[in-house]
Each structure stands twice: as structure tokens, then as C-alpha cells.
């Protein structure tokens, strides 16, 4: 995989994860208004956040190796 292709895929994954996290936050807020807050959404959102942080860390590692 070329460096440019890696950067494109990384950006797409990052954007997807951000949108997914925002959607889950909105859904949790909506459900919270209708009923008790859903613990499941908070766990999913935490997992997404951890995955995105790992993705960012991996990007920096790949950049350092590529130099």
C-alpha cells in the first residue's frame, strides 16, 4: 500500500468513526429523553473512541517508520 493510499484510508476511517460516534451520541441523547440512559451506547461509544485513538497512534508510528 502506498503512503498516499494509506493516508486516504486513514482519513476515511477517522471520518467514519467520528460520524458513528456523533450518531451514537445523538441516539443516546434522544433515548435519554424518552427513557433511562442506555449503558450500551456509552460502551459502544467508548470502544469507538479507543479504536480511533489507536488509529491515530498507529498513523504516527507508520509515519515514523516511513521516514
PDB file of N, CA and C in Angstrom:
ATOM      1  N   UNK A   1       0.852  -1.165   0.000  1.00  0.00           N
ATOM      2  CA  UNK A   1       0.000   0.000   0.000  1.00  0.00           C
ATOM      3  C   UNK A   1       0.905   1.237   0.000  1.00  0.00           C
ATOM      4  N   UNK A   2       0.612   2.153  -0.877  1.00  0.00           N
ATOM      5  CA  UNK A   2       1.412   3.373  -0.937  1.00  0.00           C
ATOM      6  C   UNK A   2       1.085   4.276   0.245  1.00  0.00           C
ATOM      7  N   UNK A   3       1.987   5.189   0.517  1.00  0.00           N
ATOM      8  CA  UNK A   3       1.773   6.128   1.627  1.00  0.00           C
ATOM      9  C   UNK A   3       0.533   6.982   1.382  1.00  0.00           C
ATOM     10  N   UNK A   4       0.336   7.384   0.131  1.00  0.00           N
ATOM     11  CA  UNK A   4      -0.839   8.205  -0.185  1.00  0.00           C
ATOM     12  C   UNK A   4      -2.127   7.412   0.046  1.00  0.00           C
ATOM     13  N   UNK A   5      -2.139   6.169  -0.383  1.00  0.00           N
ATOM     14  CA  UNK A   5      -3.327   5.315  -0.199  1.00  0.00           C
ATOM     15  C   UNK A   5      -3.588   5.091   1.294  1.00  0.00           C
ATOM     16  N   UNK A   6      -2.521   4.886   2.049  1.00  0.00           N
ATOM     17  CA  UNK A   6      -2.667   4.710   3.495  1.00  0.00           C
ATOM     18  C   UNK A   6      -3.281   5.957   4.117  1.00  0.00           C
ATOM     19  N   UNK A   7      -2.799   7.128   3.726  1.00  0.00           N
ATOM     20  CA  UNK A   7      -3.330   8.383   4.261  1.00  0.00           C
ATOM     21  C   UNK A   7      -4.814   8.526   3.930  1.00  0.00           C
ATOM     22  N   UNK A   8      -5.197   8.176   2.702  1.00  0.00           N
ATOM     23  CA  UNK A   8      -6.601   8.256   2.292  1.00  0.00           C
ATOM     24  C   UNK A   8      -7.472   7.321   3.125  1.00  0.00           C
ATOM     25  N   UNK A   9      -7.021   6.090   3.289  1.00  0.00           N
ATOM     26  CA  UNK A   9      -7.791   5.116   4.072  1.00  0.00           C
ATOM     27  C   UNK A   9      -7.875   5.548   5.531  1.00  0.00           C
ATOM     28  N   UNK A  10      -6.786   6.048   6.057  1.00  0.00           N
ATOM     29  CA  UNK A  10      -6.778   6.517   7.438  1.00  0.00           C
ATOM     30  C   UNK A  10      -7.787   7.645   7.614  1.00  0.00           C
ATOM     31  N   UNK A  11      -7.787   8.601   6.709  1.00  0.00           N
ATOM     32  CA  UNK A  11      -8.714   9.734   6.796  1.00  0.00           C
ATOM     33  C   UNK A  11     -10.163   9.262   6.697  1.00  0.00           C
ATOM     34  N   UNK A  12     -10.423   8.306   5.819  1.00  0.00           N
ATOM     35  CA  UNK A  12     -11.788   7.791   5.670  1.00  0.00           C
ATOM     36  C   UNK A  12     -12.238   7.054   6.928  1.00  0.00           C
ATOM     37  N   UNK A  13     -11.364   6.229   7.492  1.00  0.00           N
ATOM     38  CA  UNK A  13     -11.702   5.522   8.728  1.00  0.00           C
ATOM     39  C   UNK A  13     -11.930   6.496   9.875  1.00  0.00           C
ATOM     40  N   UNK A  14     -11.089   7.509   9.961  1.00  0.00           N
ATOM     41  CA  UNK A  14     -11.225   8.516  11.012  1.00  0.00           C
ATOM     42  C   UNK A  14     -12.562   9.246  10.878  1.00  0.00           C
ATOM     43  N   UNK A  15     -12.903   9.664   9.669  1.00  0.00           N
ATOM     44  CA  UNK A  15     -14.158  10.378   9.439  1.00  0.00           C
ATOM     45  C   UNK A  15     -15.356   9.481   9.752  1.00  0.00           C
ATOM     46  N   UNK A  16     -15.283   8.217   9.331  1.00  0.00           N
ATOM     47  CA  UNK A  16     -16.366   7.285   9.615  1.00  0.00           C
ATOM     48  C   UNK A  16     -16.547   7.097  11.119  1.00  0.00           C
ATOM     49  N   UNK A  17     -15.453   6.902  11.817  1.00  0.00           N
ATOM     50  CA  UNK A  17     -15.529   6.730  13.271  1.00  0.00           C
ATOM     51  C   UNK A  17     -16.096   7.949  13.966  1.00  0.00           C
ATOM     52  N   UNK A  18     -15.684   9.128  13.512  1.00  0.00           N
ATOM     53  CA  UNK A  18     -16.216  10.361  14.100  1.00  0.00           C
ATOM     54  C   UNK A  18     -17.720  10.478  13.866  1.00  0.00           C
ATOM     55  N   UNK A  19     -18.160  10.190  12.629  1.00  0.00           N
ATOM     56  CA  UNK A  19     -19.603  10.258  12.325  1.00  0.00           C
ATOM     57  C   UNK A  19     -20.386   9.225  13.129  1.00  0.00           C
ATOM     58  N   UNK A  20     -19.837   8.029  13.253  1.00  0.00           N
ATOM     59  CA  UNK A  20     -20.506   6.982  14.017  1.00  0.00           C
ATOM     60  C   UNK A  20     -20.637   7.381  15.480  1.00  0.00           C
ATOM     61  N   UNK A  21     -19.576   7.935  16.047  1.00  0.00           N
ATOM     62  CA  UNK A  21     -19.626   8.403  17.430  1.00  0.00           C
ATOM     63  C   UNK A  21     -20.660   9.496  17.627  1.00  0.00           C
ATOM     64  N   UNK A  22     -20.737  10.425  16.679  1.00  0.00           N
ATOM     65  CA  UNK A  22     -21.727  11.501  16.760  1.00  0.00           C
ATOM     66  C   UNK A  22     -23.142  10.948  16.662  1.00  0.00           C
ATOM     67  N   UNK A  23     -23.335   9.980  15.774  1.00  0.00           N
ATOM     68  CA  UNK A  23     -24.661   9.369  15.627  1.00  0.00           C
ATOM     69  C   UNK A  23     -25.078   8.644  16.899  1.00  0.00           C
ATOM     70  N   UNK A  24     -24.155   7.918  17.506  1.00  0.00           N
ATOM     71  CA  UNK A  24     -24.467   7.223  18.757  1.00  0.00           C
ATOM     72  C   UNK A  24     -24.778   8.215  19.873  1.00  0.00           C
ATOM     73  N   UNK A  25     -24.038   9.320  19.912  1.00  0.00           N
ATOM     74  CA  UNK A  25     -24.292  10.350  20.922  1.00  0.00           C
ATOM     75  C   UNK A  25     -25.695  10.928  20.744  1.00  0.00           C
ATOM     76  N   UNK A  26     -26.072  11.215  19.497  1.00  0.00           N
ATOM     77  CA  UNK A  26     -27.402  11.760  19.225  1.00  0.00           C
ATOM     78  C   UNK A  26     -28.484  10.752  19.592  1.00  0.00           C
ATOM     79  N   UNK A  27     -28.263   9.498  19.260  1.00  0.00           N
ATOM     80  CA  UNK A  27     -29.236   8.458  19.588  1.00  0.00           C
ATOM     81  C   UNK A  27     -29.368   8.286  21.091  1.00  0.00           C
ATOM     82  N   UNK A  28     -28.249   8.326  21.790  1.00  0.00           N
ATOM     83  CA  UNK A  28     -28.283   8.201  23.248  1.00  0.00           C
ATOM     84  C   UNK A  28     -29.037   9.376  23.863  1.00  0.00           C
ATOM     85  N   UNK A  29     -28.799  10.572  23.360  1.00  0.00           N
ATOM     86  CA  UNK A  29     -29.496  11.757  23.863  1.00  0.00           C
ATOM     87  C   UNK A  29     -30.993  11.631  23.622  1.00  0.00           C
ATOM     88  N   UNK A  30     -31.361  11.196  22.431  1.00  0.00           N
ATOM     89  CA  UNK A  30     -32.774  11.026  22.091  1.00  0.00           C
ATOM     90  C   UNK A  30     -33.430   9.981  22.988  1.00  0.00           C
ATOM     91  N   UNK A  31     -32.768   8.861  23.173  1.00  0.00           N
ATOM     92  CA  UNK A  31     -33.329   7.801  24.022  1.00  0.00           C
ATOM     93  C   UNK A  31     -33.377   8.237  25.478  1.00  0.00           C
ATOM     94  N   UNK A  32     -32.396   9.033  25.887  1.00  0.00           N
ATOM     95  CA  UNK A  32     -32.361   9.511  27.261  1.00  0.00           C
ATOM     96  C   UNK A  32     -33.555  10.387  27.581  1.00  0.00           C
ATOM     97  N   UNK A  33     -34.038  11.111  26.575  1.00  0.00           N
ATOM     98  CA  UNK A  33     -35.207  11.954  26.775  1.00  0.00           C
ATOM     99  C   UNK A  33     -36.471  11.118  26.891  1.00  0.00           C
ATOM    100  N   UNK A  34     -36.460   9.939  26.286  1.00  0.00           N
ATOM    101  CA  UNK A  34     -37.646   9.095  26.278  1.00  0.00           C
ATOM    102  C   UNK A  34     -37.651   8.072  27.405  1.00  0.00           C
ATOM    103  N   UNK A  35     -36.472   7.683  27.849  1.00  0.00           N
ATOM    104  CA  UNK A  35     -36.375   6.646  28.880  1.00  0.00           C
ATOM    105  C   UNK A  35     -35.057   6.809  29.626  1.00  0.00           C
ATOM    106  N   UNK A  36     -34.683   5.769  30.374  1.00  0.00           N
ATOM    107  CA  UNK A  36     -33.405   5.790  31.089  1.00  0.00           C
ATOM    108  C   UNK A  36     -32.250   5.805  30.090  1.00  0.00           C
ATOM    109  N   UNK A  37     -31.153   6.443  30.461  1.00  0.00           N
ATOM    110  CA  UNK A  37     -29.982   6.422  29.572  1.00  0.00           C
ATOM    111  C   UNK A  37     -29.523   4.990  29.314  1.00  0.00           C
ATOM    112  N   UNK A  38     -29.123   4.734  28.101  1.00  0.00           N
ATOM    113  CA  UNK A  38     -28.720   3.376  27.718  1.00  0.00           C
ATOM    114  C   UNK A  38     -27.224   3.186  27.946  1.00  0.00           C
ATOM    115  N   UNK A  39     -26.888   2.265  28.834  1.00  0.00           N
ATOM    116  CA  UNK A  39     -25.483   1.962  29.117  1.00  0.00           C
ATOM    117  C   UNK A  39     -24.792   1.381  27.882  1.00  0.00           C
ATOM    118  N   UNK A  40     -25.534   0.642  27.082  1.00  0.00           N
ATOM    119  CA  UNK A  40     -24.952   0.015  25.899  1.00  0.00           C
ATOM    120  C   UNK A  40     -24.337   1.015  24.948  1.00  0.00           C
ATOM    121  N   UNK A  41     -25.011   2.137  24.730  1.00  0.00           N
ATOM    122  CA  UNK A  41     -24.490   3.157  23.824  1.00  0.00           C
ATOM    123  C   UNK A  41     -23.202   3.761  24.365  1.00  0.00           C
ATOM    124  N   UNK A  42     -23.130   3.968  25.656  1.00  0.00           N
ATOM    125  CA  UNK A  42     -21.921   4.542  26.256  1.00  0.00           C
ATOM    126  C   UNK A  42     -20.737   3.597  26.057  1.00  0.00           C
ATOM    127  N   UNK A  43     -20.974   2.307  26.204  1.00  0.00           N
ATOM    128  CA  UNK A  43     -19.909   1.326  25.996  1.00  0.00           C
ATOM    129  C   UNK A  43     -19.448   1.277  24.553  1.00  0.00           C
ATOM    130  N   UNK A  44     -20.396   1.330  23.635  1.00  0.00           N
ATOM    131  CA  UNK A  44     -20.051   1.333  22.211  1.00  0.00           C
ATOM    132  C   UNK A  44     -19.252   2.583  21.874  1.00  0.00           C
ATOM    133  N   UNK A  45     -19.712   3.704  22.384  1.00  0.00           N
ATOM    134  CA  UNK A  45     -19.020   4.961  22.115  1.00  0.00           C
ATOM    135  C   UNK A  45     -17.597   4.944  22.690  1.00  0.00           C
ATOM    136  N   UNK A  46     -17.429   4.375  23.864  1.00  0.00           N
ATOM    137  CA  UNK A  46     -16.095   4.271  24.463  1.00  0.00           C
ATOM    138  C   UNK A  46     -15.190   3.384  23.611  1.00  0.00           C
ATOM    139  N   UNK A  47     -15.733   2.289  23.090  1.00  0.00           N
ATOM    140  CA  UNK A  47     -14.948   1.407  22.221  1.00  0.00           C
ATOM    141  C   UNK A  47     -14.527   2.122  20.942  1.00  0.00           C
ATOM    142  N   UNK A  48     -15.432   2.892  20.356  1.00  0.00           N
ATOM    143  CA  UNK A  48     -15.107   3.649  19.144  1.00  0.00           C
ATOM    144  C   UNK A  48     -14.012   4.662  19.438  1.00  0.00           C
ATOM    145  N   UNK A  49     -14.133   5.347  20.564  1.00  0.00           N
ATOM    146  CA  UNK A  49     -13.126   6.342  20.939  1.00  0.00           C
ATOM    147  C   UNK A  49     -11.756   5.695  21.102  1.00  0.00           C
ATOM    148  N   UNK A  50     -11.709   4.542  21.766  1.00  0.00           N
ATOM    149  CA  UNK A  50     -10.430   3.832  21.938  1.00  0.00           C
ATOM    150  C   UNK A  50      -9.858   3.392  20.586  1.00  0.00           C
ATOM    151  N   UNK A  51     -10.722   2.907  19.707  1.00  0.00           N
ATOM    152  CA  UNK A  51     -10.254   2.467  18.391  1.00  0.00           C
ATOM    153  C   UNK A  51      -9.702   3.638  17.586  1.00  0.00           C
ATOM    154  N   UNK A  52     -10.358   4.786  17.660  1.00  0.00           N
ATOM    155  CA  UNK A  52      -9.874   5.960  16.937  1.00  0.00           C
ATOM    156  C   UNK A  52      -8.555   6.464  17.509  1.00  0.00           C
ATOM    157  N   UNK A  53      -8.405   6.390  18.819  1.00  0.00           N
ATOM    158  CA  UNK A  53      -7.134   6.788  19.431  1.00  0.00           C
ATOM    159  C   UNK A  53      -6.010   5.852  18.990  1.00  0.00           C
ATOM    160  N   UNK A  54      -6.301   4.569  18.929  1.00  0.00           N
ATOM    161  CA  UNK A  54      -5.301   3.600  18.469  1.00  0.00           C
ATOM    162  C   UNK A  54      -4.954   3.849  17.003  1.00  0.00           C
ATOM    163  N   UNK A  55      -5.960   4.209  16.203  1.00  0.00           N
ATOM    164  CA  UNK A  55      -5.728   4.506  14.798  1.00  0.00           C
ATOM    165  C   UNK A  55      -4.817   5.720  14.653  1.00  0.00           C
ATOM    166  N   UNK A  56      -5.048   6.747  15.453  1.00  0.00           N
ATOM    167  CA  UNK A  56      -4.179   7.933  15.422  1.00  0.00           C
ATOM    168  C   UNK A  56      -2.745   7.562  15.817  1.00  0.00           C
ATOM    169  N   UNK A  57      -2.605   6.762  16.857  1.00  0.00           N
ATOM    170  CA  UNK A  57      -1.276   6.349  17.315  1.00  0.00           C
ATOM    171  C   UNK A  57      -0.566   5.536  16.235  1.00  0.00           C
ATOM    172  N   UNK A  58      -1.305   4.677  15.570  1.00  0.00           N
ATOM    173  CA  UNK A  58      -0.711   3.856  14.521  1.00  0.00           C
ATOM    174  C   UNK A  58      -0.243   4.731  13.364  1.00  0.00           C
ATOM    175  N   UNK A  59      -0.992   5.763  13.057  1.00  0.00           N
ATOM    176  CA  UNK A  59      -0.602   6.663  11.971  1.00  0.00           C
ATOM    177  C   UNK A  59       0.755   7.288  12.274  1.00  0.00           C
ATOM    178  N   UNK A  60       0.947   7.721  13.497  1.00  0.00           N
ATOM    179  CA  UNK A  60       2.222   8.329  13.864  1.00  0.00           C
ATOM    180  C   UNK A  60       3.354   7.309  13.809  1.00  0.00           C
ATOM    181  N   UNK A  61       3.080   6.072  14.180  1.00  0.00           N
ATOM    182  CA  UNK A  61       4.098   5.030  14.116  1.00  0.00           C
ATOM    183  C   UNK A  61       4.492   4.748  12.672  1.00  0.00           C
ATOM    184  N   UNK A  62       3.493   4.671  11.793  1.00  0.00           N
ATOM    185  CA  UNK A  62       3.772   4.411  10.378  1.00  0.00           C
ATOM    186  C   UNK A  62       4.557   5.570   9.782  1.00  0.00           C
ATOM    187  N   UNK A  63       4.196   6.793  10.145  1.00  0.00           N
ATOM    188  CA  UNK A  63       4.910   7.963   9.635  1.00  0.00           C
ATOM    189  C   UNK A  63       6.370   7.945  10.081  1.00  0.00           C
ATOM    190  N   UNK A  64       6.615   7.539  11.307  1.00  0.00           N
ATOM    191  CA  UNK A  64       7.985   7.484  11.817  1.00  0.00           C
ATOM    192  C   UNK A  64       8.792   6.404  11.104  1.00  0.00           C
ATOM    193  N   UNK A  65       8.175   5.280  10.827  1.00  0.00           N
ATOM    194  CA  UNK A  65       8.857   4.187  10.134  1.00  0.00           C
ATOM    195  C   UNK A  65       9.136   4.566   8.686  1.00  0.00           C
ATOM    196  N   UNK A  66       8.209   5.296   8.064  1.00  0.00           N
ATOM    197  CA  UNK A  66       8.342   5.667   6.654  1.00  0.00           C
ATOM    198  C   UNK A  66       9.472   6.664   6.419  1.00  0.00           C
ATOM    199  N   UNK A  67       9.849   7.384   7.446  1.00  0.00           N
ATOM    200  CA  UNK A  67      10.921   8.379   7.283  1.00  0.00           C
ATOM    201  C   UNK A  67      12.187   7.690   7.108  1.00  0.00           C
TER     202      UNK A  67
END
